[in-house]
Amino acid sequence: GPLDVVIGVGINYELPKHEPSIADQLIIDICSVTKERLSRNIIAATLLSNIFHILQDLEIGENLNPIDEWRQFDCYTGRKAKLILPNEEIVGILKGIDERGSLLMSVNGKLSTYGSGEVSLKIQ
C-alpha cells in the first residue's frame, strides 16, 4: 500500500571560525574542505535532484540495492562505538547493516539489531 517517508538531511555549510565542538565530537563544514566557495543553491539543488532520482527509481521498481552500496563504502564496520538511544547507551563493535538497513552491533559477544528511533552514534 501507500507509504510515507520523511527524509531529513543536515549540512554544515559554513560554521563560525570559533564554533565549539558539540558533545565531544569534531565538527566540520563544506566551506572548510573545498578549495572554491560552493553555492548553497547548487549544493541544495544537487542533493535534492539526486534524492528525487533515487526515489523515482524506487517508485518504478528499479533494482536499486543501497544495502550493497552502503557496505561498499562503510568505514565503520569493526570499530568500537557507543550507540545513544533515548533511554540507554550501548557500547559494542559495529558489524555493518542487515538486509533491511538496520544497524548491526556486537554487544558482549551477542549480535544485536537497531532499526528504529533516533540514535546518535559515537565512534570510540
N, C-alpha and C. Protein backbone atom coordinates (compact mmCIF):
# COMPACT_ATOMS: atom_id res chain seq x y z
N GLY A 1 0.82 -1.19 0.00
CA GLY A 1 0.00 0.00 0.00
C GLY A 1 0.85 1.25 0.00
N PRO A 2 0.19 2.37 0.13
CA PRO A 2 0.90 3.66 0.15
C PRO A 2 1.85 3.75 1.34
N LEU A 3 2.90 4.49 1.14
CA LEU A 3 3.91 4.64 2.18
C LEU A 3 4.39 6.08 2.21
N ASP A 4 4.46 6.65 3.38
CA ASP A 4 5.00 8.00 3.54
C ASP A 4 6.40 7.88 4.12
N VAL A 5 7.31 8.68 3.58
CA VAL A 5 8.69 8.67 4.04
C VAL A 5 9.10 10.10 4.34
N VAL A 6 9.76 10.29 5.46
CA VAL A 6 10.32 11.59 5.80
C VAL A 6 11.84 11.47 5.71
N ILE A 7 12.43 12.34 4.90
CA ILE A 7 13.88 12.32 4.73
C ILE A 7 14.43 13.63 5.28
N GLY A 8 15.35 13.53 6.21
CA GLY A 8 15.96 14.72 6.78
C GLY A 8 17.45 14.73 6.49
N VAL A 9 17.95 15.86 6.06
CA VAL A 9 19.37 15.99 5.76
C VAL A 9 19.88 17.26 6.43
N GLY A 10 20.94 17.14 7.19
CA GLY A 10 21.56 18.31 7.80
C GLY A 10 22.93 18.52 7.21
N ILE A 11 23.21 19.74 6.78
CA ILE A 11 24.50 20.04 6.16
C ILE A 11 25.11 21.25 6.86
N ASN A 12 26.33 21.10 7.32
CA ASN A 12 27.07 22.25 7.84
C ASN A 12 27.73 22.93 6.65
N TYR A 13 27.19 24.08 6.26
CA TYR A 13 27.73 24.79 5.12
C TYR A 13 28.95 25.62 5.52
N GLU A 14 28.74 26.54 6.47
CA GLU A 14 29.84 27.39 6.93
C GLU A 14 29.63 27.70 8.41
N LEU A 15 30.47 27.12 9.23
CA LEU A 15 30.38 27.34 10.67
C LEU A 15 31.25 28.53 11.06
N PRO A 16 30.88 29.21 12.15
CA PRO A 16 31.76 30.30 12.63
C PRO A 16 33.15 29.75 12.93
N LYS A 17 34.15 30.59 12.79
CA LYS A 17 35.55 30.17 12.97
C LYS A 17 35.81 29.54 14.34
N HIS A 18 35.13 30.01 15.36
CA HIS A 18 35.38 29.52 16.71
C HIS A 18 34.22 28.70 17.23
N GLU A 19 33.59 27.93 16.36
CA GLU A 19 32.47 27.06 16.77
C GLU A 19 33.01 25.96 17.68
N PRO A 20 32.47 25.84 18.89
CA PRO A 20 32.96 24.77 19.78
C PRO A 20 32.49 23.41 19.28
N SER A 21 33.22 22.37 19.68
CA SER A 21 32.75 21.04 19.32
C SER A 21 31.48 20.74 20.09
N ILE A 22 30.68 19.87 19.53
CA ILE A 22 29.39 19.52 20.10
C ILE A 22 29.51 18.14 20.73
N ALA A 23 29.22 18.05 22.01
CA ALA A 23 29.22 16.76 22.72
C ALA A 23 30.49 15.96 22.44
N ASP A 24 31.63 16.63 22.53
CA ASP A 24 32.92 15.97 22.34
C ASP A 24 33.10 15.39 20.94
N GLN A 25 32.38 15.91 19.96
CA GLN A 25 32.53 15.44 18.58
C GLN A 25 33.15 16.56 17.75
N LEU A 26 34.07 16.19 16.89
CA LEU A 26 34.61 17.18 15.97
C LEU A 26 33.55 17.50 14.94
N ILE A 27 33.47 18.75 14.54
CA ILE A 27 32.50 19.14 13.52
C ILE A 27 33.25 19.80 12.38
N ILE A 28 32.66 19.73 11.20
CA ILE A 28 33.30 20.29 10.01
C ILE A 28 32.21 20.85 9.11
N ASP A 29 32.60 21.73 8.21
CA ASP A 29 31.64 22.29 7.27
C ASP A 29 32.20 22.22 5.85
N ILE A 30 31.30 22.39 4.88
CA ILE A 30 31.68 22.29 3.47
C ILE A 30 32.74 23.33 3.09
N CYS A 31 32.56 24.57 3.54
CA CYS A 31 33.48 25.64 3.14
C CYS A 31 34.91 25.40 3.59
N SER A 32 35.09 24.69 4.70
CA SER A 32 36.46 24.48 5.19
C SER A 32 37.18 23.34 4.47
N VAL A 33 36.49 22.56 3.66
CA VAL A 33 37.14 21.43 2.98
C VAL A 33 37.12 21.55 1.45
N THR A 34 36.63 22.67 0.94
CA THR A 34 36.62 22.87 -0.51
C THR A 34 37.55 24.02 -0.87
N LYS A 35 38.16 23.94 -2.04
CA LYS A 35 39.08 24.98 -2.48
C LYS A 35 38.34 26.23 -2.95
N GLU A 36 37.19 26.02 -3.58
CA GLU A 36 36.41 27.17 -4.03
C GLU A 36 35.08 27.19 -3.29
N ARG A 37 34.57 28.36 -3.12
CA ARG A 37 33.30 28.51 -2.39
C ARG A 37 32.16 28.01 -3.26
N LEU A 38 31.44 27.03 -2.76
CA LEU A 38 30.32 26.45 -3.50
C LEU A 38 29.03 27.17 -3.15
N SER A 39 28.17 27.32 -4.13
CA SER A 39 26.88 27.97 -3.93
C SER A 39 25.96 27.07 -3.10
N ARG A 40 25.33 27.65 -2.08
CA ARG A 40 24.36 26.89 -1.29
C ARG A 40 23.25 26.36 -2.18
N ASN A 41 22.82 27.17 -3.14
CA ASN A 41 21.74 26.75 -4.03
C ASN A 41 22.15 25.56 -4.89
N ILE A 42 23.39 25.57 -5.38
CA ILE A 42 23.87 24.45 -6.19
C ILE A 42 23.95 23.19 -5.34
N ILE A 43 24.47 23.31 -4.13
CA ILE A 43 24.56 22.15 -3.23
C ILE A 43 23.16 21.59 -2.96
N ALA A 44 22.22 22.46 -2.59
CA ALA A 44 20.86 22.02 -2.29
C ALA A 44 20.19 21.40 -3.52
N ALA A 45 20.35 22.04 -4.68
CA ALA A 45 19.73 21.53 -5.90
C ALA A 45 20.30 20.17 -6.29
N THR A 46 21.61 20.01 -6.17
CA THR A 46 22.25 18.74 -6.50
C THR A 46 21.78 17.64 -5.56
N LEU A 47 21.74 17.93 -4.28
CA LEU A 47 21.28 16.96 -3.29
C LEU A 47 19.83 16.56 -3.55
N LEU A 48 18.96 17.54 -3.72
CA LEU A 48 17.54 17.25 -3.97
C LEU A 48 17.34 16.49 -5.28
N SER A 49 18.08 16.85 -6.31
CA SER A 49 17.97 16.16 -7.59
C SER A 49 18.35 14.69 -7.45
N ASN A 50 19.45 14.43 -6.74
CA ASN A 50 19.87 13.04 -6.55
C ASN A 50 18.86 12.25 -5.73
N ILE A 51 18.35 12.84 -4.67
CA ILE A 51 17.33 12.16 -3.85
C ILE A 51 16.09 11.90 -4.70
N PHE A 52 15.67 12.89 -5.48
CA PHE A 52 14.48 12.75 -6.33
C PHE A 52 14.65 11.59 -7.32
N HIS A 53 15.82 11.51 -7.98
CA HIS A 53 16.05 10.44 -8.96
C HIS A 53 16.07 9.06 -8.30
N ILE A 54 16.66 8.98 -7.14
CA ILE A 54 16.67 7.70 -6.42
C ILE A 54 15.25 7.29 -6.05
N LEU A 55 14.45 8.23 -5.56
CA LEU A 55 13.06 7.92 -5.19
C LEU A 55 12.23 7.54 -6.41
N GLN A 56 12.46 8.21 -7.54
CA GLN A 56 11.76 7.84 -8.78
C GLN A 56 12.10 6.42 -9.19
N ASP A 57 13.38 6.07 -9.13
CA ASP A 57 13.80 4.71 -9.49
C ASP A 57 13.15 3.69 -8.56
N LEU A 58 13.10 3.99 -7.28
CA LEU A 58 12.46 3.08 -6.33
C LEU A 58 10.97 2.92 -6.64
N GLU A 59 10.32 4.03 -6.99
CA GLU A 59 8.89 4.02 -7.27
C GLU A 59 8.54 3.14 -8.47
N ILE A 60 9.39 3.15 -9.49
CA ILE A 60 9.09 2.35 -10.69
C ILE A 60 9.65 0.94 -10.59
N GLY A 61 10.25 0.62 -9.45
CA GLY A 61 10.71 -0.74 -9.23
C GLY A 61 12.10 -1.03 -9.73
N GLU A 62 12.89 0.01 -9.99
CA GLU A 62 14.27 -0.22 -10.39
C GLU A 62 14.96 -1.07 -9.34
N ASN A 63 15.83 -1.92 -9.77
CA ASN A 63 16.52 -2.81 -8.86
C ASN A 63 17.72 -2.10 -8.24
N LEU A 64 17.42 -1.17 -7.35
CA LEU A 64 18.48 -0.47 -6.64
C LEU A 64 18.82 -1.28 -5.40
N ASN A 65 20.07 -1.37 -5.10
CA ASN A 65 20.44 -2.07 -3.88
C ASN A 65 21.34 -1.18 -3.04
N PRO A 66 20.71 -0.26 -2.28
CA PRO A 66 21.52 0.63 -1.46
C PRO A 66 22.28 -0.11 -0.36
N ILE A 67 21.81 -1.30 0.00
CA ILE A 67 22.50 -2.08 1.03
C ILE A 67 23.91 -2.44 0.56
N ASP A 68 24.02 -2.94 -0.68
CA ASP A 68 25.34 -3.28 -1.22
C ASP A 68 26.23 -2.05 -1.34
N GLU A 69 25.63 -0.94 -1.78
CA GLU A 69 26.41 0.30 -1.92
C GLU A 69 26.89 0.77 -0.55
N TRP A 70 26.00 0.70 0.45
CA TRP A 70 26.39 1.09 1.80
C TRP A 70 27.58 0.24 2.27
N ARG A 71 27.46 -1.06 2.08
CA ARG A 71 28.52 -1.97 2.54
C ARG A 71 29.84 -1.69 1.84
N GLN A 72 29.77 -1.29 0.58
CA GLN A 72 30.98 -0.99 -0.18
C GLN A 72 31.74 0.20 0.41
N PHE A 73 31.00 1.18 0.92
CA PHE A 73 31.63 2.40 1.42
C PHE A 73 31.66 2.51 2.94
N ASP A 74 31.14 1.53 3.66
CA ASP A 74 31.09 1.56 5.12
C ASP A 74 32.49 1.49 5.70
N CYS A 75 32.89 2.53 6.41
CA CYS A 75 34.23 2.55 7.00
C CYS A 75 34.17 2.37 8.52
N TYR A 76 33.00 2.01 9.05
CA TYR A 76 32.85 1.86 10.49
C TYR A 76 32.77 0.42 10.97
N THR A 77 32.51 -0.52 10.08
CA THR A 77 32.42 -1.93 10.49
C THR A 77 33.72 -2.35 11.17
N GLY A 78 33.57 -3.01 12.32
CA GLY A 78 34.71 -3.48 13.08
C GLY A 78 35.21 -2.48 14.11
N ARG A 79 34.63 -1.28 14.14
CA ARG A 79 35.07 -0.26 15.09
C ARG A 79 34.19 -0.25 16.33
N LYS A 80 34.79 0.10 17.44
CA LYS A 80 34.05 0.22 18.69
C LYS A 80 33.25 1.52 18.65
N ALA A 81 32.00 1.46 19.11
CA ALA A 81 31.14 2.63 19.07
C ALA A 81 30.19 2.64 20.25
N LYS A 82 29.69 3.83 20.55
CA LYS A 82 28.66 3.99 21.56
C LYS A 82 27.38 4.40 20.84
N LEU A 83 26.33 3.64 21.04
CA LEU A 83 25.03 3.92 20.45
C LEU A 83 24.19 4.59 21.53
N ILE A 84 23.71 5.80 21.24
CA ILE A 84 22.95 6.54 22.24
C ILE A 84 21.48 6.52 21.85
N LEU A 85 20.70 5.84 22.66
CA LEU A 85 19.26 5.74 22.46
C LEU A 85 18.58 6.64 23.49
N PRO A 86 17.27 6.86 23.35
CA PRO A 86 16.59 7.76 24.29
C PRO A 86 16.76 7.37 25.76
N ASN A 87 16.78 6.08 26.07
CA ASN A 87 16.81 5.67 27.47
C ASN A 87 18.05 4.88 27.88
N GLU A 88 19.00 4.73 26.96
CA GLU A 88 20.20 3.96 27.31
C GLU A 88 21.34 4.24 26.34
N GLU A 89 22.54 3.90 26.78
CA GLU A 89 23.72 3.97 25.93
C GLU A 89 24.29 2.57 25.83
N ILE A 90 24.65 2.17 24.62
CA ILE A 90 25.13 0.82 24.38
C ILE A 90 26.50 0.91 23.72
N VAL A 91 27.48 0.18 24.25
CA VAL A 91 28.82 0.15 23.67
C VAL A 91 29.05 -1.23 23.07
N GLY A 92 29.55 -1.25 21.84
CA GLY A 92 29.81 -2.52 21.18
C GLY A 92 30.67 -2.32 19.95
N ILE A 93 30.78 -3.37 19.17
CA ILE A 93 31.55 -3.35 17.92
C ILE A 93 30.57 -3.33 16.75
N LEU A 94 30.74 -2.37 15.85
CA LEU A 94 29.84 -2.26 14.70
C LEU A 94 30.08 -3.41 13.74
N LYS A 95 28.97 -3.96 13.23
CA LYS A 95 29.03 -5.11 12.32
C LYS A 95 28.31 -4.84 11.01
N GLY A 96 28.15 -3.56 10.65
CA GLY A 96 27.51 -3.22 9.39
C GLY A 96 26.01 -3.07 9.53
N ILE A 97 25.31 -3.39 8.43
CA ILE A 97 23.85 -3.32 8.42
C ILE A 97 23.28 -4.62 7.86
N ASP A 98 22.04 -4.91 8.23
CA ASP A 98 21.40 -6.12 7.71
C ASP A 98 20.67 -5.80 6.41
N GLU A 99 19.93 -6.76 5.87
CA GLU A 99 19.25 -6.59 4.58
C GLU A 99 18.15 -5.53 4.61
N ARG A 100 17.68 -5.16 5.80
CA ARG A 100 16.65 -4.12 5.92
C ARG A 100 17.25 -2.75 6.22
N GLY A 101 18.58 -2.70 6.37
CA GLY A 101 19.24 -1.43 6.65
C GLY A 101 19.41 -1.14 8.13
N SER A 102 19.05 -2.08 8.98
CA SER A 102 19.20 -1.88 10.42
C SER A 102 20.66 -2.04 10.82
N LEU A 103 21.07 -1.25 11.81
CA LEU A 103 22.44 -1.31 12.31
C LEU A 103 22.68 -2.61 13.07
N LEU A 104 23.80 -3.25 12.78
CA LEU A 104 24.20 -4.46 13.49
C LEU A 104 25.35 -4.11 14.42
N MET A 105 25.23 -4.53 15.68
CA MET A 105 26.27 -4.25 16.66
C MET A 105 26.46 -5.45 17.57
N SER A 106 27.70 -5.83 17.76
CA SER A 106 28.03 -6.91 18.68
C SER A 106 28.20 -6.30 20.07
N VAL A 107 27.33 -6.73 20.99
CA VAL A 107 27.36 -6.23 22.36
C VAL A 107 27.61 -7.42 23.28
N ASN A 108 28.75 -7.41 23.96
CA ASN A 108 29.14 -8.52 24.84
C ASN A 108 29.08 -9.87 24.11
N GLY A 109 29.53 -9.88 22.85
CA GLY A 109 29.57 -11.11 22.08
C GLY A 109 28.26 -11.52 21.44
N LYS A 110 27.19 -10.75 21.66
CA LYS A 110 25.88 -11.07 21.08
C LYS A 110 25.53 -10.03 20.02
N LEU A 111 25.13 -10.51 18.83
CA LEU A 111 24.78 -9.61 17.74
C LEU A 111 23.39 -9.04 17.97
N SER A 112 23.29 -7.71 18.00
CA SER A 112 22.02 -7.02 18.20
C SER A 112 21.73 -6.14 17.00
N THR A 113 20.44 -5.89 16.75
CA THR A 113 19.99 -5.10 15.62
C THR A 113 19.24 -3.87 16.12
N TYR A 114 19.53 -2.71 15.50
CA TYR A 114 18.87 -1.46 15.88
C TYR A 114 18.36 -0.80 14.61
N GLY A 115 17.04 -0.57 14.55
CA GLY A 115 16.49 -0.06 13.31
C GLY A 115 15.43 1.01 13.42
N SER A 116 15.11 1.43 14.63
CA SER A 116 14.09 2.47 14.73
C SER A 116 14.43 3.42 15.85
N GLY A 117 13.76 4.54 15.85
CA GLY A 117 14.04 5.56 16.85
C GLY A 117 15.19 6.42 16.39
N GLU A 118 15.43 7.47 17.13
CA GLU A 118 16.53 8.36 16.79
C GLU A 118 17.75 7.94 17.59
N VAL A 119 18.83 7.77 16.90
CA VAL A 119 20.06 7.35 17.56
C VAL A 119 21.20 8.29 17.19
N SER A 120 22.13 8.38 18.08
CA SER A 120 23.35 9.13 17.81
C SER A 120 24.50 8.16 17.98
N LEU A 121 25.40 8.15 17.05
CA LEU A 121 26.48 7.17 17.06
C LEU A 121 27.80 7.88 17.32
N LYS A 122 28.53 7.43 18.33
CA LYS A 122 29.85 7.99 18.62
C LYS A 122 30.89 6.90 18.46
N ILE A 123 31.75 7.06 17.48
CA ILE A 123 32.83 6.10 17.27
C ILE A 123 33.87 6.34 18.35
N GLN A 124 34.34 5.26 18.96
CA GLN A 124 35.32 5.39 20.05
C GLN A 124 36.69 4.95 19.60
